[in-house]
C-alpha atoms as a PDB file:
ATOM      1  CA  MET A   1      12.766 -17.669 -18.163  1.00  0.00           C
ATOM      2  CA  ILE A   2      15.987 -19.458 -19.170  1.00  0.00           C
ATOM      3  CA  ASP A   3      19.490 -18.218 -18.446  1.00  0.00           C
ATOM      4  CA  SER A   4      22.337 -18.144 -20.988  1.00  0.00           C
ATOM      5  CA  ALA A   5      23.401 -21.677 -20.024  1.00  0.00           C
ATOM      6  CA  GLY A   6      19.920 -22.964 -20.901  1.00  0.00           C
ATOM      7  CA  LYS A   7      18.917 -23.618 -17.281  1.00  0.00           C
ATOM      8  CA  PRO A   8      15.957 -22.052 -15.524  1.00  0.00           C
ATOM      9  CA  PRO A   9      17.001 -19.513 -12.876  1.00  0.00           C
ATOM     10  CA  ARG A  10      17.133 -20.746  -9.317  1.00  0.00           C
ATOM     11  CA  LYS A  11      14.444 -19.633  -6.945  1.00  0.00           C
ATOM     12  CA  PRO A  12      15.753 -17.652  -3.992  1.00  0.00           C
ATOM     13  CA  ARG A  13      16.548 -19.792  -0.987  1.00  0.00           C
ATOM     14  CA  ALA A  14      13.906 -19.709   1.726  1.00  0.00           C
ATOM     15  CA  ASP A  15      16.240 -17.974   4.199  1.00  0.00           C
ATOM     16  CA  ALA A  16      17.173 -15.338   1.608  1.00  0.00           C
ATOM     17  CA  GLU A  17      13.496 -14.659   0.946  1.00  0.00           C
ATOM     18  CA  ARG A  18      12.826 -14.417   4.700  1.00  0.00           C
ATOM     19  CA  ASN A  19      15.686 -11.921   5.067  1.00  0.00           C
ATOM     20  CA  ARG A  20      14.335  -9.831   2.201  1.00  0.00           C
ATOM     21  CA  THR A  21      10.869  -9.765   3.802  1.00  0.00           C
ATOM     22  CA  ARG A  22      12.337  -8.869   7.200  1.00  0.00           C
ATOM     23  CA  LEU A  23      14.352  -6.039   5.650  1.00  0.00           C
ATOM     24  CA  ILE A  24      11.295  -4.579   3.922  1.00  0.00           C
ATOM     25  CA  ASP A  25       9.234  -4.793   7.133  1.00  0.00           C
ATOM     26  CA  ALA A  26      12.053  -3.250   9.176  1.00  0.00           C
ATOM     27  CA  ALA A  27      12.576  -0.475   6.618  1.00  0.00           C
ATOM     28  CA  LYS A  28       8.874   0.371   6.661  1.00  0.00           C
ATOM     29  CA  SER A  29       9.002   0.735  10.441  1.00  0.00           C
ATOM     30  CA  VAL A  30      12.298   2.663  10.574  1.00  0.00           C
ATOM     31  CA  PHE A  31      11.343   4.955   7.681  1.00  0.00           C
ATOM     32  CA  ALA A  32       7.988   5.732   9.310  1.00  0.00           C
ATOM     33  CA  GLU A  33       9.696   6.609  12.579  1.00  0.00           C
ATOM     34  CA  ARG A  34      12.840   8.381  11.372  1.00  0.00           C
ATOM     35  CA  GLY A  35      11.987   9.609   7.868  1.00  0.00           C
ATOM     36  CA  GLY A  36      14.922  10.872   5.830  1.00  0.00           C
ATOM     37  CA  SER A  37      17.320  10.533   8.754  1.00  0.00           C
ATOM     38  CA  ALA A  38      16.898   6.738   8.842  1.00  0.00           C
ATOM     39  CA  SER A  39      20.147   4.915   8.167  1.00  0.00           C
ATOM     40  CA  LEU A  40      20.518   1.619   6.340  1.00  0.00           C
ATOM     41  CA  GLU A  41      22.521   0.323   9.298  1.00  0.00           C
ATOM     42  CA  GLU A  42      19.500   0.967  11.529  1.00  0.00           C
ATOM     43  CA  VAL A  43      17.262  -0.908   9.078  1.00  0.00           C
ATOM     44  CA  ALA A  44      19.638  -3.891   9.048  1.00  0.00           C
ATOM     45  CA  ARG A  45      19.893  -3.870  12.847  1.00  0.00           C
ATOM     46  CA  THR A  46      16.100  -3.729  13.208  1.00  0.00           C
ATOM     47  CA  ALA A  47      15.747  -6.639  10.765  1.00  0.00           C
ATOM     48  CA  GLY A  48      18.325  -8.651  12.717  1.00  0.00           C
ATOM     49  CA  VAL A  49      20.722  -9.011   9.775  1.00  0.00           C
ATOM     50  CA  GLY A  50      24.119  -7.608   8.846  1.00  0.00           C
ATOM     51  CA  ILE A  51      24.569  -4.627   6.570  1.00  0.00           C
ATOM     52  CA  GLY A  52      26.081  -6.927   3.926  1.00  0.00           C
ATOM     53  CA  THR A  53      22.820  -8.882   3.785  1.00  0.00           C
ATOM     54  CA  LEU A  54      20.905  -5.648   3.272  1.00  0.00           C
ATOM     55  CA  TYR A  55      23.190  -4.614   0.387  1.00  0.00           C
ATOM     56  CA  ARG A  56      22.898  -8.050  -1.249  1.00  0.00           C
ATOM     57  CA  HIS A  57      19.144  -7.558  -1.464  1.00  0.00           C
ATOM     58  CA  PHE A  58      19.066  -3.780  -1.947  1.00  0.00           C
ATOM     59  CA  PRO A  59      22.283  -2.406  -3.438  1.00  0.00           C
ATOM     60  CA  THR A  60      21.176   1.211  -2.925  1.00  0.00           C
ATOM     61  CA  ARG A  61      19.026   3.195  -0.531  1.00  0.00           C
ATOM     62  CA  ASP A  62      16.706   4.010  -3.447  1.00  0.00           C
ATOM     63  CA  ALA A  63      16.230   0.300  -4.182  1.00  0.00           C
ATOM     64  CA  LEU A  64      15.091  -0.282  -0.593  1.00  0.00           C
ATOM     65  CA  ILE A  65      12.725   2.716  -0.590  1.00  0.00           C
ATOM     66  CA  GLU A  66      11.188   1.530  -3.869  1.00  0.00           C
ATOM     67  CA  ALA A  67      10.833  -2.031  -2.539  1.00  0.00           C
ATOM     68  CA  VAL A  68       8.989  -0.814   0.570  1.00  0.00           C
ATOM     69  CA  TYR A  69       6.640   1.307  -1.534  1.00  0.00           C
ATOM     70  CA  ARG A  70       5.969  -1.471  -4.067  1.00  0.00           C
ATOM     71  CA  ASN A  71       5.401  -4.003  -1.293  1.00  0.00           C
ATOM     72  CA  GLU A  72       2.780  -1.767   0.335  1.00  0.00           C
ATOM     73  CA  SER A  73       1.055  -1.189  -3.027  1.00  0.00           C
ATOM     74  CA  ASP A  74       1.077  -4.903  -3.898  1.00  0.00           C
ATOM     75  CA  GLN A  75      -0.359  -5.869  -0.505  1.00  0.00           C
ATOM     76  CA  LEU A  76      -3.172  -3.361  -0.946  1.00  0.00           C
ATOM     77  CA  VAL A  77      -4.147  -4.758  -4.347  1.00  0.00           C
ATOM     78  CA  ARG A  78      -3.918  -8.387  -3.150  1.00  0.00           C
ATOM     79  CA  ALA A  79      -6.093  -7.598  -0.138  1.00  0.00           C
ATOM     80  CA  ALA A  80      -8.936  -6.516  -2.451  1.00  0.00           C
ATOM     81  CA  SER A  81      -9.157  -9.985  -4.030  1.00  0.00           C
ATOM     82  CA  GLU A  82      -9.124 -11.670  -0.625  1.00  0.00           C
ATOM     83  CA  LEU A  83     -11.812  -9.345   0.742  1.00  0.00           C
ATOM     84  CA  ALA A  84     -13.990  -9.676  -2.367  1.00  0.00           C
ATOM     85  CA  ALA A  85     -13.861 -13.461  -2.027  1.00  0.00           C
ATOM     86  CA  SER A  86     -14.629 -13.562   1.698  1.00  0.00           C
ATOM     87  CA  ARG A  87     -17.088 -10.712   2.441  1.00  0.00           C
ATOM     88  CA  PRO A  88     -20.295  -9.212   1.058  1.00  0.00           C
ATOM     89  CA  PRO A  89     -19.428  -6.558  -1.551  1.00  0.00           C
ATOM     90  CA  VAL A  90     -20.168  -3.476   0.562  1.00  0.00           C
ATOM     91  CA  GLU A  91     -18.212  -4.870   3.526  1.00  0.00           C
ATOM     92  CA  ALA A  92     -15.296  -5.739   1.235  1.00  0.00           C
ATOM     93  CA  LEU A  93     -15.363  -2.127   0.012  1.00  0.00           C
ATOM     94  CA  ARG A  94     -15.446  -0.738   3.572  1.00  0.00           C
ATOM     95  CA  ALA A  95     -12.588  -2.966   4.770  1.00  0.00           C
ATOM     96  CA  TRP A  96     -10.454  -2.172   1.738  1.00  0.00           C
ATOM     97  CA  MET A  97     -10.999   1.572   2.117  1.00  0.00           C
ATOM     98  CA  ARG A  98      -9.721   1.249   5.686  1.00  0.00           C
ATOM     99  CA  LEU A  99      -6.627  -0.522   4.364  1.00  0.00           C
ATOM    100  CA  PHE A 100      -6.224   2.188   1.747  1.00  0.00           C
ATOM    101  CA  PHE A 101      -6.235   4.851   4.467  1.00  0.00           C
ATOM    102  CA  ARG A 102      -3.472   2.984   6.319  1.00  0.00           C
ATOM    103  CA  TYR A 103      -1.522   2.675   3.053  1.00  0.00           C
ATOM    104  CA  MET A 104      -1.852   6.419   2.438  1.00  0.00           C
ATOM    105  CA  SER A 105      -0.623   7.114   5.970  1.00  0.00           C
ATOM    106  CA  VAL A 106       2.500   5.019   5.321  1.00  0.00           C
ATOM    107  CA  LYS A 107       3.012   6.747   1.955  1.00  0.00           C
ATOM    108  CA  HIS A 108       2.599  10.166   3.593  1.00  0.00           C
ATOM    109  CA  GLY A 109       5.176   9.208   6.228  1.00  0.00           C
ATOM    110  CA  MET A 110       7.619   8.182   3.492  1.00  0.00           C
ATOM    111  CA  MET A 111       7.100  11.313   1.377  1.00  0.00           C
ATOM    112  CA  GLU A 112      10.512  12.786   2.200  1.00  0.00           C
ATOM    113  CA  LEU A 113      12.167   9.516   1.194  1.00  0.00           C
ATOM    114  CA  LEU A 114      10.101   9.167  -1.978  1.00  0.00           C
ATOM    115  CA  ASP A 115      10.985  12.745  -2.928  1.00  0.00           C
ATOM    116  CA  SER A 116      14.677  11.871  -2.564  1.00  0.00           C
ATOM    117  CA  LEU A 117      14.636   9.082  -5.172  1.00  0.00           C
ATOM    118  CA  ALA A 118      17.260   9.750  -7.837  1.00  0.00           C
ATOM    119  CA  ASP A 119      14.975   8.581 -10.670  1.00  0.00           C
ATOM    120  CA  GLY A 120      11.965  10.365  -9.215  1.00  0.00           C
ATOM    121  CA  LYS A 121       8.763   8.873  -7.922  1.00  0.00           C
ATOM    122  CA  SER A 122       6.549   9.322 -10.976  1.00  0.00           C
ATOM    123  CA  SER A 123       7.056   5.801 -12.372  1.00  0.00           C
ATOM    124  CA  LEU A 124       6.323   4.294  -8.960  1.00  0.00           C
ATOM    125  CA  TYR A 125       3.175   6.383  -8.610  1.00  0.00           C
ATOM    126  CA  ALA A 126       2.003   5.623 -12.134  1.00  0.00           C
ATOM    127  CA  ALA A 127       2.129   1.859 -11.614  1.00  0.00           C
ATOM    128  CA  SER A 128       0.514   1.894  -8.185  1.00  0.00           C
ATOM    129  CA  GLY A 129      -2.072   4.491  -9.242  1.00  0.00           C
ATOM    130  CA  ALA A 130      -3.292   2.376 -12.163  1.00  0.00           C
ATOM    131  CA  ALA A 131      -3.582  -0.743  -9.984  1.00  0.00           C
ATOM    132  CA  THR A 132      -5.389   1.190  -7.243  1.00  0.00           C
ATOM    133  CA  LYS A 133      -7.880   2.649  -9.714  1.00  0.00           C
ATOM    134  CA  GLN A 134      -8.653  -0.818 -11.121  1.00  0.00           C
ATOM    135  CA  THR A 135      -9.112  -2.137  -7.597  1.00  0.00           C
ATOM    136  CA  ILE A 136     -11.548   0.540  -6.387  1.00  0.00           C
ATOM    137  CA  ASP A 137     -13.452   0.299  -9.696  1.00  0.00           C
ATOM    138  CA  LEU A 138     -13.846  -3.449  -9.129  1.00  0.00           C
ATOM    139  CA  LEU A 139     -14.958  -3.161  -5.484  1.00  0.00           C
ATOM    140  CA  VAL A 140     -17.446  -0.356  -6.156  1.00  0.00           C
ATOM    141  CA  GLY A 141     -18.692  -2.220  -9.244  1.00  0.00           C
ATOM    142  CA  ASN A 142     -19.269  -5.379  -7.194  1.00  0.00           C
ATOM    143  CA  ALA A 143     -21.262  -3.450  -4.579  1.00  0.00           C
ATOM    144  CA  ILE A 144     -23.362  -1.712  -7.266  1.00  0.00           C
ATOM    145  CA  ALA A 145     -24.015  -5.016  -9.064  1.00  0.00           C
ATOM    146  CA  ALA A 146     -25.187  -6.534  -5.757  1.00  0.00           C
ATOM    147  CA  CYS A 147     -27.560  -3.535  -5.302  1.00  0.00           C
ATOM    148  CA  GLU A 148     -25.844  -2.729  -1.996  1.00  0.00           C
ATOM    149  CA  ILE A 149     -24.929   0.837  -2.992  1.00  0.00           C
ATOM    150  CA  GLY A 150     -25.692   3.467  -5.584  1.00  0.00           C
ATOM    151  CA  PHE A 151     -22.926   5.620  -7.037  1.00  0.00           C
ATOM    152  CA  ASP A 152     -22.902   8.038  -9.945  1.00  0.00           C
ATOM    153  CA  ALA A 153     -19.367   9.420  -9.784  1.00  0.00           C
ATOM    154  CA  GLU A 154     -15.884   8.030 -10.368  1.00  0.00           C
ATOM    155  CA  PRO A 155     -14.955   5.430  -7.698  1.00  0.00           C
ATOM    156  CA  ILE A 156     -11.472   6.954  -7.443  1.00  0.00           C
ATOM    157  CA  ASP A 157     -13.108  10.062  -5.911  1.00  0.00           C
ATOM    158  CA  LEU A 158     -13.722   8.061  -2.723  1.00  0.00           C
ATOM    159  CA  LEU A 159      -9.974   7.495  -2.433  1.00  0.00           C
ATOM    160  CA  ARG A 160      -9.146  11.105  -3.240  1.00  0.00           C
ATOM    161  CA  ALA A 161     -11.278  12.116  -0.257  1.00  0.00           C
ATOM    162  CA  LEU A 162      -9.380   9.717   1.998  1.00  0.00           C
ATOM    163  CA  ALA A 163      -6.021  10.882   0.647  1.00  0.00           C
ATOM    164  CA  GLY A 164      -7.043  14.449   1.438  1.00  0.00           C
ATOM    165  CA  MET A 165      -7.846  13.425   4.986  1.00  0.00           C
ATOM    166  CA  VAL A 166      -4.317  12.037   5.410  1.00  0.00           C
ATOM    167  CA  GLN A 167      -2.876  15.352   4.206  1.00  0.00           C
ATOM    168  CA  PHE A 168      -5.161  17.317   6.509  1.00  0.00           C
ATOM    169  CA  SER A 169      -4.823  15.215   9.667  1.00  0.00           C
ATOM    170  CA  GLY A 170      -1.057  15.530  10.003  1.00  0.00           C
ATOM    171  CA  GLY A 171      -0.614  12.354  12.070  1.00  0.00           C
ATOM    172  CA  ARG A 172      -3.077  13.063  14.896  1.00  0.00           C
ATOM    173  CA  ASP A 173      -3.370  10.339  17.521  1.00  0.00           C
ATOM    174  CA  ASN A 174      -6.964   9.504  16.608  1.00  0.00           C
ATOM    175  CA  GLU A 175      -6.467   9.723  12.841  1.00  0.00           C
ATOM    176  CA  GLU A 176      -7.310   6.067  12.112  1.00  0.00           C
ATOM    177  CA  ALA A 177     -10.501   6.138  14.208  1.00  0.00           C
ATOM    178  CA  ALA A 178     -11.504   9.375  12.475  1.00  0.00           C
ATOM    179  CA  ALA A 179     -10.833   7.769   9.081  1.00  0.00           C
ATOM    180  CA  HIS A 180     -13.006   4.767   9.976  1.00  0.00           C
ATOM    181  CA  ALA A 181     -15.833   7.117  10.959  1.00  0.00           C
ATOM    182  CA  ILE A 182     -15.516   9.046   7.667  1.00  0.00           C
ATOM    183  CA  ILE A 183     -15.485   5.784   5.687  1.00  0.00           C
ATOM    184  CA  ASP A 184     -18.626   4.659   7.524  1.00  0.00           C
ATOM    185  CA  VAL A 185     -20.307   7.965   6.615  1.00  0.00           C
ATOM    186  CA  MET A 186     -19.283   7.518   2.968  1.00  0.00           C
ATOM    187  CA  ILE A 187     -20.611   3.946   2.878  1.00  0.00           C
ATOM    188  CA  ALA A 188     -23.887   4.991   4.553  1.00  0.00           C
ATOM    189  CA  GLY A 189     -24.300   7.697   1.902  1.00  0.00           C
ATOM    190  CA  LEU A 190     -23.677   5.186  -0.889  1.00  0.00           C
ATOM    191  CA  GLN A 191     -26.143   2.758   0.681  1.00  0.00           C
ATOM    192  CA  ALA A 192     -28.790   5.508   0.857  1.00  0.00           C
ATOM    193  CA  LYS A 193     -28.432   5.946  -2.925  1.00  0.00           C
ATOM    194  CA  ARG A 194     -28.895   2.275  -3.755  1.00  0.00           C
ATOM    195  CA  PRO A 195     -31.772   1.435  -6.093  1.00  0.00           C
ATOM    196  CA  SER A 196     -35.021   0.611  -4.268  1.00  0.00           C
END
């Protein structure tokens, strides 16, 4: 992309990019802990930067909430490629489903904040939902092609089951261990249906 003066735009300085990353990580933590009562000052303090630095990166509270949500969604999609390249297909699927459960837990914890967005959350959900569907389709497809599982439903149904578990569990202490056990049961069922 070229600016109006005919020069390519400058890349953000390394320290500015580090600050942005620290702010997103801090916001994720503060939002998870404090929900709608989290203040931007608390986010800046947790990130170790001034409030002016926060506003330079995220001029509004909504911009920061959206950035946290998009960052989580992007990390989830990127993780699928890394897992698919480094693990057998069924193990890549299992590991990614565990990450998806963690992602849904973060999303559930941010629900109050997402509901407060002035422009609504539907555009955010639409983009992340499409990418998530493509990702689970790919991972399930890889495992089927490798004859590691059998599956005759929509791959997204696996994620709907996990999302329901997040809604049902309500933040119990052992929720992640319970999710891992459910994922293992799901994978074992898919493996039992693989072609002989």
